[in-house]
C-alpha cells in the first residue's frame, strides 16, 4: 500500500485524513514539524480544527507508518512521531 500524500518537507511528517476526518478538515493531508509526541499532535489538531477531538479523534483509529497505535490517555504522551513518518486518522465508516 502506498500513500497518495506528497512527501513531507524536511523536518516534518505527514498526516492523512480519511473519510469524515477529511471532510471535517477540508483536506486529505497536511504536514507538521517533527518530532512531536502523539498526544501533542492531538492537541495541535484540536487547535487547528476546533471540535476535531470530540467529533473525529475520540472514535478514530490512528496509525503511524501503517502500524495501529493506542491513543494516549490523560497524562500520557504516546509514541513520538519522527521526521518523514506518516500518521493516518481513520474514522469508523459504515457500509451498505
PDB file of N, CA and C in Angstrom:
ATOM      1  N   UNK A   1       0.848  -1.175   0.000  1.00  0.00           N
ATOM      2  CA  UNK A   1       0.000   0.000   0.000  1.00  0.00           C
ATOM      3  C   UNK A   1       0.889   1.232   0.000  1.00  0.00           C
ATOM      4  N   UNK A   2       0.625   2.151  -0.889  1.00  0.00           N
ATOM      5  CA  UNK A   2       1.369   3.395  -0.925  1.00  0.00           C
ATOM      6  C   UNK A   2       0.431   4.545  -0.660  1.00  0.00           C
ATOM      7  N   UNK A   3       0.960   5.605  -0.092  1.00  0.00           N
ATOM      8  CA  UNK A   3       0.105   6.747   0.210  1.00  0.00           C
ATOM      9  C   UNK A   3       0.051   7.695  -0.973  1.00  0.00           C
ATOM     10  N   UNK A   4      -1.023   8.463  -1.012  1.00  0.00           N
ATOM     11  CA  UNK A   4      -1.172   9.445  -2.072  1.00  0.00           C
ATOM     12  C   UNK A   4      -0.734  10.823  -1.607  1.00  0.00           C
ATOM     13  N   UNK A   5      -0.300  10.937  -0.360  1.00  0.00           N
ATOM     14  CA  UNK A   5       0.135  12.220   0.175  1.00  0.00           C
ATOM     15  C   UNK A   5       1.511  12.565  -0.356  1.00  0.00           C
ATOM     16  N   UNK A   6       1.735  13.843  -0.618  1.00  0.00           N
ATOM     17  CA  UNK A   6       3.080  14.239  -1.026  1.00  0.00           C
ATOM     18  C   UNK A   6       4.070  14.022   0.115  1.00  0.00           C
ATOM     19  N   UNK A   7       5.305  13.815  -0.233  1.00  0.00           N
ATOM     20  CA  UNK A   7       6.350  13.639   0.778  1.00  0.00           C
ATOM     21  C   UNK A   7       6.429  14.916   1.609  1.00  0.00           C
ATOM     22  N   UNK A   8       6.514  14.779   2.937  1.00  0.00           N
ATOM     23  CA  UNK A   8       6.563  15.990   3.762  1.00  0.00           C
ATOM     24  C   UNK A   8       7.882  16.731   3.575  1.00  0.00           C
ATOM     25  N   UNK A   9       7.886  18.037   3.815  1.00  0.00           N
ATOM     26  CA  UNK A   9       9.143  18.787   3.742  1.00  0.00           C
ATOM     27  C   UNK A   9      10.130  18.291   4.804  1.00  0.00           C
ATOM     28  N   UNK A  10      11.375  18.594   4.609  1.00  0.00           N
ATOM     29  CA  UNK A  10      12.412  18.206   5.569  1.00  0.00           C
ATOM     30  C   UNK A  10      12.026  18.699   6.972  1.00  0.00           C
ATOM     31  N   UNK A  11      12.188  17.811   7.960  1.00  0.00           N
ATOM     32  CA  UNK A  11      11.875  18.166   9.343  1.00  0.00           C
ATOM     33  C   UNK A  11      10.398  18.056   9.685  1.00  0.00           C
ATOM     34  N   UNK A  12       9.594  17.475   8.797  1.00  0.00           N
ATOM     35  CA  UNK A  12       8.155  17.351   9.005  1.00  0.00           C
ATOM     36  C   UNK A  12       7.696  15.905   8.850  1.00  0.00           C
ATOM     37  N   UNK A  13       6.442  15.650   9.219  1.00  0.00           N
ATOM     38  CA  UNK A  13       5.794  14.369   8.980  1.00  0.00           C
ATOM     39  C   UNK A  13       4.441  14.638   8.338  1.00  0.00           C
ATOM     40  N   UNK A  14       3.846  13.604   7.763  1.00  0.00           N
ATOM     41  CA  UNK A  14       2.558  13.737   7.074  1.00  0.00           C
ATOM     42  C   UNK A  14       1.427  13.193   7.925  1.00  0.00           C
ATOM     43  N   UNK A  15       0.280  13.844   7.817  1.00  0.00           N
ATOM     44  CA  UNK A  15      -0.960  13.344   8.407  1.00  0.00           C
ATOM     45  C   UNK A  15      -1.925  13.105   7.256  1.00  0.00           C
ATOM     46  N   UNK A  16      -2.499  11.908   7.205  1.00  0.00           N
ATOM     47  CA  UNK A  16      -3.504  11.588   6.198  1.00  0.00           C
ATOM     48  C   UNK A  16      -4.865  11.546   6.874  1.00  0.00           C
ATOM     49  N   UNK A  17      -5.838  12.201   6.268  1.00  0.00           N
ATOM     50  CA  UNK A  17      -7.199  12.241   6.803  1.00  0.00           C
ATOM     51  C   UNK A  17      -8.112  11.405   5.919  1.00  0.00           C
ATOM     52  N   UNK A  18      -8.774  10.425   6.493  1.00  0.00           N
ATOM     53  CA  UNK A  18      -9.682   9.565   5.750  1.00  0.00           C
ATOM     54  C   UNK A  18     -11.125   9.851   6.146  1.00  0.00           C
ATOM     55  N   UNK A  19     -12.033   9.583   5.225  1.00  0.00           N
ATOM     56  CA  UNK A  19     -13.480   9.657   5.439  1.00  0.00           C
ATOM     57  C   UNK A  19     -13.882  10.985   6.101  1.00  0.00           C
ATOM     58  N   UNK A  20     -14.587  10.909   7.231  1.00  0.00           N
ATOM     59  CA  UNK A  20     -15.106  12.125   7.862  1.00  0.00           C
ATOM     60  C   UNK A  20     -13.997  13.035   8.390  1.00  0.00           C
ATOM     61  N   UNK A  21     -12.810  12.497   8.658  1.00  0.00           N
ATOM     62  CA  UNK A  21     -11.691  13.347   9.091  1.00  0.00           C
ATOM     63  C   UNK A  21     -11.311  14.313   7.970  1.00  0.00           C
ATOM     64  N   UNK A  22     -11.304  13.821   6.736  1.00  0.00           N
ATOM     65  CA  UNK A  22     -11.024  14.682   5.593  1.00  0.00           C
ATOM     66  C   UNK A  22     -12.124  15.694   5.360  1.00  0.00           C
ATOM     67  N   UNK A  23     -13.374  15.265   5.535  1.00  0.00           N
ATOM     68  CA  UNK A  23     -14.494  16.197   5.383  1.00  0.00           C
ATOM     69  C   UNK A  23     -14.434  17.287   6.444  1.00  0.00           C
ATOM     70  N   UNK A  24     -14.104  16.905   7.680  1.00  0.00           N
ATOM     71  CA  UNK A  24     -14.060  17.865   8.781  1.00  0.00           C
ATOM     72  C   UNK A  24     -12.962  18.904   8.573  1.00  0.00           C
ATOM     73  N   UNK A  25     -11.774  18.451   8.150  1.00  0.00           N
ATOM     74  CA  UNK A  25     -10.647  19.371   7.990  1.00  0.00           C
ATOM     75  C   UNK A  25     -10.647  20.076   6.642  1.00  0.00           C
ATOM     76  N   UNK A  26     -11.359  19.512   5.668  1.00  0.00           N
ATOM     77  CA  UNK A  26     -11.361  20.090   4.326  1.00  0.00           C
ATOM     78  C   UNK A  26     -10.104  19.765   3.539  1.00  0.00           C
ATOM     79  N   UNK A  27      -9.387  18.739   3.970  1.00  0.00           N
ATOM     80  CA  UNK A  27      -8.162  18.345   3.260  1.00  0.00           C
ATOM     81  C   UNK A  27      -7.919  16.858   3.405  1.00  0.00           C
ATOM     82  N   UNK A  28      -7.125  16.329   2.505  1.00  0.00           N
ATOM     83  CA  UNK A  28      -6.761  14.912   2.541  1.00  0.00           C
ATOM     84  C   UNK A  28      -5.520  14.668   3.379  1.00  0.00           C
ATOM     85  N   UNK A  29      -4.652  15.682   3.468  1.00  0.00           N
ATOM     86  CA  UNK A  29      -3.398  15.520   4.198  1.00  0.00           C
ATOM     87  C   UNK A  29      -2.835  16.885   4.565  1.00  0.00           C
ATOM     88  N   UNK A  30      -1.873  16.871   5.469  1.00  0.00           N
ATOM     89  CA  UNK A  30      -1.085  18.062   5.787  1.00  0.00           C
ATOM     90  C   UNK A  30       0.205  17.609   6.440  1.00  0.00           C
ATOM     91  N   UNK A  31       1.155  18.522   6.561  1.00  0.00           N
ATOM     92  CA  UNK A  31       2.453  18.230   7.179  1.00  0.00           C
ATOM     93  C   UNK A  31       2.626  19.094   8.417  1.00  0.00           C
ATOM     94  N   UNK A  32       3.265  18.515   9.437  1.00  0.00           N
ATOM     95  CA  UNK A  32       3.570  19.232  10.672  1.00  0.00           C
ATOM     96  C   UNK A  32       5.025  18.993  11.043  1.00  0.00           C
ATOM     97  N   UNK A  33       5.620  19.913  11.815  1.00  0.00           N
ATOM     98  CA  UNK A  33       7.023  19.750  12.223  1.00  0.00           C
ATOM     99  C   UNK A  33       7.218  18.549  13.151  1.00  0.00           C
ATOM    100  N   UNK A  34       8.340  17.860  12.953  1.00  0.00           N
ATOM    101  CA  UNK A  34       8.723  16.704  13.775  1.00  0.00           C
ATOM    102  C   UNK A  34       9.982  17.051  14.548  1.00  0.00           C
ATOM    103  N   UNK A  35      10.256  16.352  15.631  1.00  0.00           N
ATOM    104  CA  UNK A  35       9.474  15.306  16.281  1.00  0.00           C
ATOM    105  C   UNK A  35       8.333  15.910  17.094  1.00  0.00           C
ATOM    106  N   UNK A  36       7.306  15.068  17.345  1.00  0.00           N
ATOM    107  CA  UNK A  36       6.136  15.511  18.096  1.00  0.00           C
ATOM    108  C   UNK A  36       5.490  14.289  18.753  1.00  0.00           C
ATOM    109  N   UNK A  37       5.311  14.314  20.100  1.00  0.00           N
ATOM    110  CA  UNK A  37       4.603  13.204  20.743  1.00  0.00           C
ATOM    111  C   UNK A  37       3.172  13.124  20.208  1.00  0.00           C
ATOM    112  N   UNK A  38       2.645  11.925  20.095  1.00  0.00           N
ATOM    113  CA  UNK A  38       1.306  11.718  19.574  1.00  0.00           C
ATOM    114  C   UNK A  38       0.272  12.538  20.345  1.00  0.00           C
ATOM    115  N   UNK A  39       0.397  12.610  21.666  1.00  0.00           N
ATOM    116  CA  UNK A  39      -0.569  13.383  22.460  1.00  0.00           C
ATOM    117  C   UNK A  39      -0.547  14.863  22.081  1.00  0.00           C
ATOM    118  N   UNK A  40       0.616  15.392  21.757  1.00  0.00           N
ATOM    119  CA  UNK A  40       0.706  16.797  21.361  1.00  0.00           C
ATOM    120  C   UNK A  40       0.133  16.994  19.957  1.00  0.00           C
ATOM    121  N   UNK A  41       0.225  15.960  19.121  1.00  0.00           N
ATOM    122  CA  UNK A  41      -0.401  16.039  17.807  1.00  0.00           C
ATOM    123  C   UNK A  41      -1.897  16.255  17.965  1.00  0.00           C
ATOM    124  N   UNK A  42      -2.532  15.513  18.863  1.00  0.00           N
ATOM    125  CA  UNK A  42      -3.969  15.644  19.042  1.00  0.00           C
ATOM    126  C   UNK A  42      -4.331  17.049  19.524  1.00  0.00           C
ATOM    127  N   UNK A  43      -3.522  17.608  20.412  1.00  0.00           N
ATOM    128  CA  UNK A  43      -3.756  18.986  20.863  1.00  0.00           C
ATOM    129  C   UNK A  43      -3.600  19.964  19.707  1.00  0.00           C
ATOM    130  N   UNK A  44      -2.586  19.757  18.876  1.00  0.00           N
ATOM    131  CA  UNK A  44      -2.347  20.628  17.726  1.00  0.00           C
ATOM    132  C   UNK A  44      -3.504  20.540  16.729  1.00  0.00           C
ATOM    133  N   UNK A  45      -4.006  19.333  16.487  1.00  0.00           N
ATOM    134  CA  UNK A  45      -5.127  19.179  15.562  1.00  0.00           C
ATOM    135  C   UNK A  45      -6.387  19.849  16.100  1.00  0.00           C
ATOM    136  N   UNK A  46      -6.595  19.776  17.402  1.00  0.00           N
ATOM    137  CA  UNK A  46      -7.750  20.447  18.011  1.00  0.00           C
ATOM    138  C   UNK A  46      -7.632  21.965  17.867  1.00  0.00           C
ATOM    139  N   UNK A  47      -6.407  22.487  18.001  1.00  0.00           N
ATOM    140  CA  UNK A  47      -6.181  23.927  17.828  1.00  0.00           C
ATOM    141  C   UNK A  47      -6.437  24.352  16.384  1.00  0.00           C
ATOM    142  N   UNK A  48      -5.946  23.563  15.435  1.00  0.00           N
ATOM    143  CA  UNK A  48      -6.114  23.884  14.011  1.00  0.00           C
ATOM    144  C   UNK A  48      -7.547  23.688  13.529  1.00  0.00           C
ATOM    145  N   UNK A  49      -8.212  22.679  14.094  1.00  0.00           N
ATOM    146  CA  UNK A  49      -9.557  22.305  13.644  1.00  0.00           C
ATOM    147  C   UNK A  49     -10.444  22.136  14.883  1.00  0.00           C
ATOM    148  N   UNK A  50     -10.950  23.242  15.463  1.00  0.00           N
ATOM    149  CA  UNK A  50     -11.743  23.151  16.698  1.00  0.00           C
ATOM    150  C   UNK A  50     -12.905  22.154  16.572  1.00  0.00           C
ATOM    151  N   UNK A  51     -13.036  21.302  17.585  1.00  0.00           N
ATOM    152  CA  UNK A  51     -14.062  20.273  17.599  1.00  0.00           C
ATOM    153  C   UNK A  51     -13.591  18.932  17.054  1.00  0.00           C
ATOM    154  N   UNK A  52     -12.370  18.901  16.503  1.00  0.00           N
ATOM    155  CA  UNK A  52     -11.843  17.693  15.860  1.00  0.00           C
ATOM    156  C   UNK A  52     -11.732  16.523  16.838  1.00  0.00           C
ATOM    157  N   UNK A  53     -11.289  16.800  18.055  1.00  0.00           N
ATOM    158  CA  UNK A  53     -11.096  15.715  19.019  1.00  0.00           C
ATOM    159  C   UNK A  53     -12.423  15.021  19.316  1.00  0.00           C
ATOM    160  N   UNK A  54     -13.437  15.760  19.696  1.00  0.00           N
ATOM    161  CA  UNK A  54     -14.713  15.160  20.079  1.00  0.00           C
ATOM    162  C   UNK A  54     -15.441  14.534  18.890  1.00  0.00           C
ATOM    163  N   UNK A  55     -15.387  15.194  17.745  1.00  0.00           N
ATOM    164  CA  UNK A  55     -16.159  14.713  16.602  1.00  0.00           C
ATOM    165  C   UNK A  55     -15.435  13.653  15.781  1.00  0.00           C
ATOM    166  N   UNK A  56     -14.109  13.640  15.800  1.00  0.00           N
ATOM    167  CA  UNK A  56     -13.358  12.714  14.948  1.00  0.00           C
ATOM    168  C   UNK A  56     -12.422  11.817  15.755  1.00  0.00           C
ATOM    169  N   UNK A  57     -11.486  12.401  16.482  1.00  0.00           N
ATOM    170  CA  UNK A  57     -10.436  11.604  17.132  1.00  0.00           C
ATOM    171  C   UNK A  57     -10.951  10.612  18.168  1.00  0.00           C
ATOM    172  N   UNK A  58     -11.973  11.002  18.925  1.00  0.00           N
ATOM    173  CA  UNK A  58     -12.445  10.126  20.000  1.00  0.00           C
ATOM    174  C   UNK A  58     -12.977   8.791  19.493  1.00  0.00           C
ATOM    175  N   UNK A  59     -13.349   8.711  18.215  1.00  0.00           N
ATOM    176  CA  UNK A  59     -13.874   7.453  17.678  1.00  0.00           C
ATOM    177  C   UNK A  59     -13.016   6.886  16.542  1.00  0.00           C
ATOM    178  N   UNK A  60     -11.834   7.451  16.325  1.00  0.00           N
ATOM    179  CA  UNK A  60     -10.994   7.045  15.198  1.00  0.00           C
ATOM    180  C   UNK A  60      -9.888   6.080  15.595  1.00  0.00           C
ATOM    181  N   UNK A  61      -9.429   5.329  14.609  1.00  0.00           N
ATOM    182  CA  UNK A  61      -8.198   4.564  14.743  1.00  0.00           C
ATOM    183  C   UNK A  61      -7.068   5.443  14.220  1.00  0.00           C
ATOM    184  N   UNK A  62      -5.875   5.223  14.749  1.00  0.00           N
ATOM    185  CA  UNK A  62      -4.713   6.014  14.346  1.00  0.00           C
ATOM    186  C   UNK A  62      -3.583   5.059  14.006  1.00  0.00           C
ATOM    187  N   UNK A  63      -2.906   5.331  12.884  1.00  0.00           N
ATOM    188  CA  UNK A  63      -1.716   4.560  12.540  1.00  0.00           C
ATOM    189  C   UNK A  63      -0.522   5.501  12.430  1.00  0.00           C
ATOM    190  N   UNK A  64       0.638   4.961  12.742  1.00  0.00           N
ATOM    191  CA  UNK A  64       1.909   5.638  12.490  1.00  0.00           C
ATOM    192  C   UNK A  64       2.718   4.667  11.644  1.00  0.00           C
ATOM    193  N   UNK A  65       3.029   5.078  10.427  1.00  0.00           N
ATOM    194  CA  UNK A  65       3.754   4.224   9.479  1.00  0.00           C
ATOM    195  C   UNK A  65       3.056   2.871   9.298  1.00  0.00           C
ATOM    196  N   UNK A  66       1.739   2.928   9.129  1.00  0.00           N
ATOM    197  CA  UNK A  66       0.868   1.781   8.862  1.00  0.00           C
ATOM    198  C   UNK A  66       0.695   0.839  10.046  1.00  0.00           C
ATOM    199  N   UNK A  67       1.229   1.165  11.225  1.00  0.00           N
ATOM    200  CA  UNK A  67       1.029   0.362  12.430  1.00  0.00           C
ATOM    201  C   UNK A  67       0.014   1.060  13.324  1.00  0.00           C
ATOM    202  N   UNK A  68      -1.025   0.329  13.729  1.00  0.00           N
ATOM    203  CA  UNK A  68      -2.013   0.912  14.634  1.00  0.00           C
ATOM    204  C   UNK A  68      -1.353   1.240  15.972  1.00  0.00           C
ATOM    205  N   UNK A  69      -1.729   2.387  16.527  1.00  0.00           N
ATOM    206  CA  UNK A  69      -1.197   2.813  17.826  1.00  0.00           C
ATOM    207  C   UNK A  69      -2.366   3.127  18.749  1.00  0.00           C
ATOM    208  N   UNK A  70      -2.129   2.964  20.043  1.00  0.00           N
ATOM    209  CA  UNK A  70      -3.140   3.328  21.030  1.00  0.00           C
ATOM    210  C   UNK A  70      -3.139   4.837  21.204  1.00  0.00           C
ATOM    211  N   UNK A  71      -4.326   5.392  21.304  1.00  0.00           N
ATOM    212  CA  UNK A  71      -4.456   6.822  21.550  1.00  0.00           C
ATOM    213  C   UNK A  71      -4.067   7.066  23.002  1.00  0.00           C
ATOM    214  N   UNK A  72      -3.121   7.976  23.256  1.00  0.00           N
ATOM    215  CA  UNK A  72      -2.674   8.207  24.628  1.00  0.00           C
ATOM    216  C   UNK A  72      -3.797   8.771  25.509  1.00  0.00           C
ATOM    217  N   UNK A  73      -3.835   8.303  26.753  1.00  0.00           N
ATOM    218  CA  UNK A  73      -4.801   8.820  27.715  1.00  0.00           C
ATOM    219  C   UNK A  73      -4.266  10.089  28.368  1.00  0.00           C
ATOM    220  N   UNK A  74      -5.042  10.621  29.274  1.00  0.00           N
ATOM    221  CA  UNK A  74      -4.671  11.844  30.000  1.00  0.00           C
ATOM    222  C   UNK A  74      -3.326  11.643  30.699  1.00  0.00           C
ATOM    223  N   UNK A  75      -2.396  12.557  30.483  1.00  0.00           N
ATOM    224  CA  UNK A  75      -1.088  12.492  31.114  1.00  0.00           C
ATOM    225  C   UNK A  75      -0.082  11.592  30.416  1.00  0.00           C
ATOM    226  N   UNK A  76      -0.492  10.907  29.343  1.00  0.00           N
ATOM    227  CA  UNK A  76       0.417  10.055  28.578  1.00  0.00           C
ATOM    228  C   UNK A  76       0.814  10.772  27.300  1.00  0.00           C
ATOM    229  N   UNK A  77       2.037  10.528  26.825  1.00  0.00           N
ATOM    230  CA  UNK A  77       2.488  11.171  25.591  1.00  0.00           C
ATOM    231  C   UNK A  77       2.347  10.280  24.375  1.00  0.00           C
ATOM    232  N   UNK A  78       2.431   8.975  24.568  1.00  0.00           N
ATOM    233  CA  UNK A  78       2.362   8.060  23.434  1.00  0.00           C
ATOM    234  C   UNK A  78       3.646   8.097  22.633  1.00  0.00           C
ATOM    235  N   UNK A  79       3.642   7.433  21.475  1.00  0.00           N
ATOM    236  CA  UNK A  79       4.848   7.407  20.645  1.00  0.00           C
ATOM    237  C   UNK A  79       5.211   8.800  20.132  1.00  0.00           C
ATOM    238  N   UNK A  80       6.473   8.983  19.825  1.00  0.00           N
ATOM    239  CA  UNK A  80       6.941  10.250  19.273  1.00  0.00           C
ATOM    240  C   UNK A  80       7.026  10.110  17.755  1.00  0.00           C
ATOM    241  N   UNK A  81       6.343  11.001  17.071  1.00  0.00           N
ATOM    242  CA  UNK A  81       6.327  10.987  15.609  1.00  0.00           C
ATOM    243  C   UNK A  81       7.598  11.669  15.119  1.00  0.00           C
ATOM    244  N   UNK A  82       8.293  10.995  14.201  1.00  0.00           N
ATOM    245  CA  UNK A  82       9.585  11.473  13.714  1.00  0.00           C
ATOM    246  C   UNK A  82       9.475  12.044  12.297  1.00  0.00           C
ATOM    247  N   UNK A  83      10.518  12.745  11.884  1.00  0.00           N
ATOM    248  CA  UNK A  83      10.599  13.283  10.529  1.00  0.00           C
ATOM    249  C   UNK A  83      10.361  12.174   9.510  1.00  0.00           C
ATOM    250  N   UNK A  84       9.519  12.450   8.527  1.00  0.00           N
ATOM    251  CA  UNK A  84       9.245  11.506   7.461  1.00  0.00           C
ATOM    252  C   UNK A  84       8.175  10.472   7.783  1.00  0.00           C
ATOM    253  N   UNK A  85       7.711  10.425   9.044  1.00  0.00           N
ATOM    254  CA  UNK A  85       6.669   9.473   9.411  1.00  0.00           C
ATOM    255  C   UNK A  85       5.351   9.832   8.730  1.00  0.00           C
ATOM    256  N   UNK A  86       4.456   8.864   8.700  1.00  0.00           N
ATOM    257  CA  UNK A  86       3.125   9.060   8.138  1.00  0.00           C
ATOM    258  C   UNK A  86       2.088   8.640   9.175  1.00  0.00           C
ATOM    259  N   UNK A  87       1.258   9.579   9.576  1.00  0.00           N
ATOM    260  CA  UNK A  87       0.186   9.330  10.536  1.00  0.00           C
ATOM    261  C   UNK A  87      -1.123   9.328   9.759  1.00  0.00           C
ATOM    262  N   UNK A  88      -1.983   8.357  10.047  1.00  0.00           N
ATOM    263  CA  UNK A  88      -3.296   8.316   9.407  1.00  0.00           C
ATOM    264  C   UNK A  88      -4.375   8.360  10.480  1.00  0.00           C
ATOM    265  N   UNK A  89      -5.379   9.203  10.241  1.00  0.00           N
ATOM    266  CA  UNK A  89      -6.549   9.298  11.100  1.00  0.00           C
ATOM    267  C   UNK A  89      -7.677   8.590  10.360  1.00  0.00           C
ATOM    268  N   UNK A  90      -8.165   7.480  10.932  1.00  0.00           N
ATOM    269  CA  UNK A  90      -9.130   6.624  10.243  1.00  0.00           C
ATOM    270  C   UNK A  90     -10.421   6.525  11.064  1.00  0.00           C
ATOM    271  N   UNK A  91     -11.405   7.366  10.738  1.00  0.00           N
ATOM    272  CA  UNK A  91     -12.682   7.300  11.446  1.00  0.00           C
ATOM    273  C   UNK A  91     -13.446   6.024  11.077  1.00  0.00           C
ATOM    274  N   UNK A  92     -14.408   5.646  11.910  1.00  0.00           N
ATOM    275  CA  UNK A  92     -15.229   4.492  11.535  1.00  0.00           C
ATOM    276  C   UNK A  92     -16.038   4.822  10.277  1.00  0.00           C
ATOM    277  N   UNK A  93     -16.263   3.825   9.477  1.00  0.00           N
ATOM    278  CA  UNK A  93     -17.067   4.016   8.261  1.00  0.00           C
ATOM    279  C   UNK A  93     -18.186   2.993   8.268  1.00  0.00           C
ATOM    280  N   UNK A  94     -19.289   3.343   7.673  1.00  0.00           N
ATOM    281  CA  UNK A  94     -20.379   2.390   7.575  1.00  0.00           C
ATOM    282  C   UNK A  94     -20.467   1.896   6.147  1.00  0.00           C
ATOM    283  N   UNK A  95     -20.965   0.695   5.991  1.00  0.00           N
ATOM    284  CA  UNK A  95     -21.117   0.159   4.649  1.00  0.00           C
ATOM    285  C   UNK A  95     -22.547  -0.305   4.466  1.00  0.00           C
ATOM    286  N   UNK A  96     -22.981  -0.336   3.227  1.00  0.00           N
ATOM    287  CA  UNK A  96     -24.354  -0.700   2.952  1.00  0.00           C
ATOM    288  C   UNK A  96     -24.406  -2.079   2.556  1.00  0.00           C
TER     289      UNK A  96
END
